[in-house]
């Protein structure tokens, strides 16, 4: 479904299709870019688990009042 879907349309899809959770997936943008895709913050009011992956995680953090920064790593990670 489109990322810019409104709360009521999303609720209708959920009700009609027995949706068990929402996944906000990755993308090429940063939430801080001027024309970055956004989601309706009211999706967090829907009684379903929401998983954010990559860009989706940034969106969740932003709509919940958090901030996202770069993590610069050097060396190996184990």
C-alpha atoms as a PDB file:
ATOM      1  CA  UNK A   1       0.000   0.000   0.000  1.00  0.00           C
ATOM      2  CA  UNK A   2       1.230   3.548  -0.520  1.00  0.00           C
ATOM      3  CA  UNK A   3       3.240   5.145   2.251  1.00  0.00           C
ATOM      4  CA  UNK A   4       1.047   8.228   2.271  1.00  0.00           C
ATOM      5  CA  UNK A   5      -2.138   6.306   3.034  1.00  0.00           C
ATOM      6  CA  UNK A   6      -4.356   8.041   5.568  1.00  0.00           C
ATOM      7  CA  UNK A   7      -5.429   6.508   8.862  1.00  0.00           C
ATOM      8  CA  UNK A   8      -9.043   5.742   7.853  1.00  0.00           C
ATOM      9  CA  UNK A   9      -8.073   4.061   4.577  1.00  0.00           C
ATOM     10  CA  UNK A  10      -5.463   1.980   6.370  1.00  0.00           C
ATOM     11  CA  UNK A  11      -7.953   0.971   9.053  1.00  0.00           C
ATOM     12  CA  UNK A  12     -10.391  -0.185   6.338  1.00  0.00           C
ATOM     13  CA  UNK A  13      -7.699  -2.322   4.685  1.00  0.00           C
ATOM     14  CA  UNK A  14      -6.775  -3.831   8.052  1.00  0.00           C
ATOM     15  CA  UNK A  15     -10.391  -4.639   8.900  1.00  0.00           C
ATOM     16  CA  UNK A  16     -11.106  -6.197   5.497  1.00  0.00           C
ATOM     17  CA  UNK A  17      -7.941  -8.321   5.305  1.00  0.00           C
ATOM     18  CA  UNK A  18      -7.213  -9.626   8.826  1.00  0.00           C
ATOM     19  CA  UNK A  19      -3.880  -7.782   8.934  1.00  0.00           C
ATOM     20  CA  UNK A  20      -1.728  -8.904  11.876  1.00  0.00           C
ATOM     21  CA  UNK A  21       0.950  -6.174  11.822  1.00  0.00           C
ATOM     22  CA  UNK A  22       2.472  -3.323   9.848  1.00  0.00           C
ATOM     23  CA  UNK A  23       5.970  -3.171   8.357  1.00  0.00           C
ATOM     24  CA  UNK A  24       7.478   0.151   7.372  1.00  0.00           C
ATOM     25  CA  UNK A  25      10.291  -0.871   5.058  1.00  0.00           C
ATOM     26  CA  UNK A  26      13.481   0.721   3.806  1.00  0.00           C
ATOM     27  CA  UNK A  27      14.038   3.282   1.110  1.00  0.00           C
ATOM     28  CA  UNK A  28      16.689   5.532  -0.411  1.00  0.00           C
ATOM     29  CA  UNK A  29      15.819   8.626   1.625  1.00  0.00           C
ATOM     30  CA  UNK A  30      16.579  10.079   5.017  1.00  0.00           C
ATOM     31  CA  UNK A  31      13.663  11.390   7.060  1.00  0.00           C
ATOM     32  CA  UNK A  32      15.446  14.742   7.102  1.00  0.00           C
ATOM     33  CA  UNK A  33      15.418  15.214   3.317  1.00  0.00           C
ATOM     34  CA  UNK A  34      13.071  17.932   2.073  1.00  0.00           C
ATOM     35  CA  UNK A  35      10.706  15.690   0.092  1.00  0.00           C
ATOM     36  CA  UNK A  36      11.158  12.529   2.144  1.00  0.00           C
ATOM     37  CA  UNK A  37       8.082  10.281   2.277  1.00  0.00           C
ATOM     38  CA  UNK A  38       6.056  10.546   5.479  1.00  0.00           C
ATOM     39  CA  UNK A  39       3.389   8.432   7.141  1.00  0.00           C
ATOM     40  CA  UNK A  40       0.305   9.472   9.058  1.00  0.00           C
ATOM     41  CA  UNK A  41       1.381   9.545  12.735  1.00  0.00           C
ATOM     42  CA  UNK A  42      -2.041   8.170  13.666  1.00  0.00           C
ATOM     43  CA  UNK A  43      -0.932   4.724  12.434  1.00  0.00           C
ATOM     44  CA  UNK A  44       0.537   4.279  15.899  1.00  0.00           C
ATOM     45  CA  UNK A  45      -3.009   4.451  17.271  1.00  0.00           C
ATOM     46  CA  UNK A  46      -3.955   1.272  15.383  1.00  0.00           C
ATOM     47  CA  UNK A  47      -3.895  -1.727  17.704  1.00  0.00           C
ATOM     48  CA  UNK A  48      -1.268  -3.677  15.748  1.00  0.00           C
ATOM     49  CA  UNK A  49       2.459  -4.246  16.111  1.00  0.00           C
ATOM     50  CA  UNK A  50       4.549  -1.968  13.869  1.00  0.00           C
ATOM     51  CA  UNK A  51       8.037  -2.932  12.664  1.00  0.00           C
ATOM     52  CA  UNK A  52      10.309  -0.322  11.114  1.00  0.00           C
ATOM     53  CA  UNK A  53      13.211  -1.489   8.950  1.00  0.00           C
ATOM     54  CA  UNK A  54      15.888   1.001   7.863  1.00  0.00           C
ATOM     55  CA  UNK A  55      13.943   4.047   6.623  1.00  0.00           C
ATOM     56  CA  UNK A  56      10.838   2.707   8.360  1.00  0.00           C
ATOM     57  CA  UNK A  57      12.746   2.742  11.631  1.00  0.00           C
ATOM     58  CA  UNK A  58      13.718   6.373  11.003  1.00  0.00           C
ATOM     59  CA  UNK A  59      10.059   7.227  10.382  1.00  0.00           C
ATOM     60  CA  UNK A  60       8.938   5.558  13.594  1.00  0.00           C
ATOM     61  CA  UNK A  61      11.591   7.377  15.580  1.00  0.00           C
ATOM     62  CA  UNK A  62      10.638  10.710  14.033  1.00  0.00           C
ATOM     63  CA  UNK A  63       6.881  10.441  14.546  1.00  0.00           C
ATOM     64  CA  UNK A  64       7.481   9.380  18.154  1.00  0.00           C
ATOM     65  CA  UNK A  65       9.621  12.469  18.774  1.00  0.00           C
ATOM     66  CA  UNK A  66      13.040  10.857  18.465  1.00  0.00           C
ATOM     67  CA  UNK A  67      16.058  11.799  16.387  1.00  0.00           C
ATOM     68  CA  UNK A  68      18.110   9.816  13.905  1.00  0.00           C
ATOM     69  CA  UNK A  69      21.856  10.316  13.415  1.00  0.00           C
ATOM     70  CA  UNK A  70      24.612   8.640  11.454  1.00  0.00           C
ATOM     71  CA  UNK A  71      26.675   6.012  13.207  1.00  0.00           C
ATOM     72  CA  UNK A  72      30.274   6.081  12.099  1.00  0.00           C
ATOM     73  CA  UNK A  73      32.042   2.800  12.759  1.00  0.00           C
ATOM     74  CA  UNK A  74      35.699   2.007  12.380  1.00  0.00           C
ATOM     75  CA  UNK A  75      37.282  -1.380  12.666  1.00  0.00           C
ATOM     76  CA  UNK A  76      35.522  -4.710  12.711  1.00  0.00           C
ATOM     77  CA  UNK A  77      32.231  -5.506  14.355  1.00  0.00           C
ATOM     78  CA  UNK A  78      31.727  -8.887  15.963  1.00  0.00           C
END
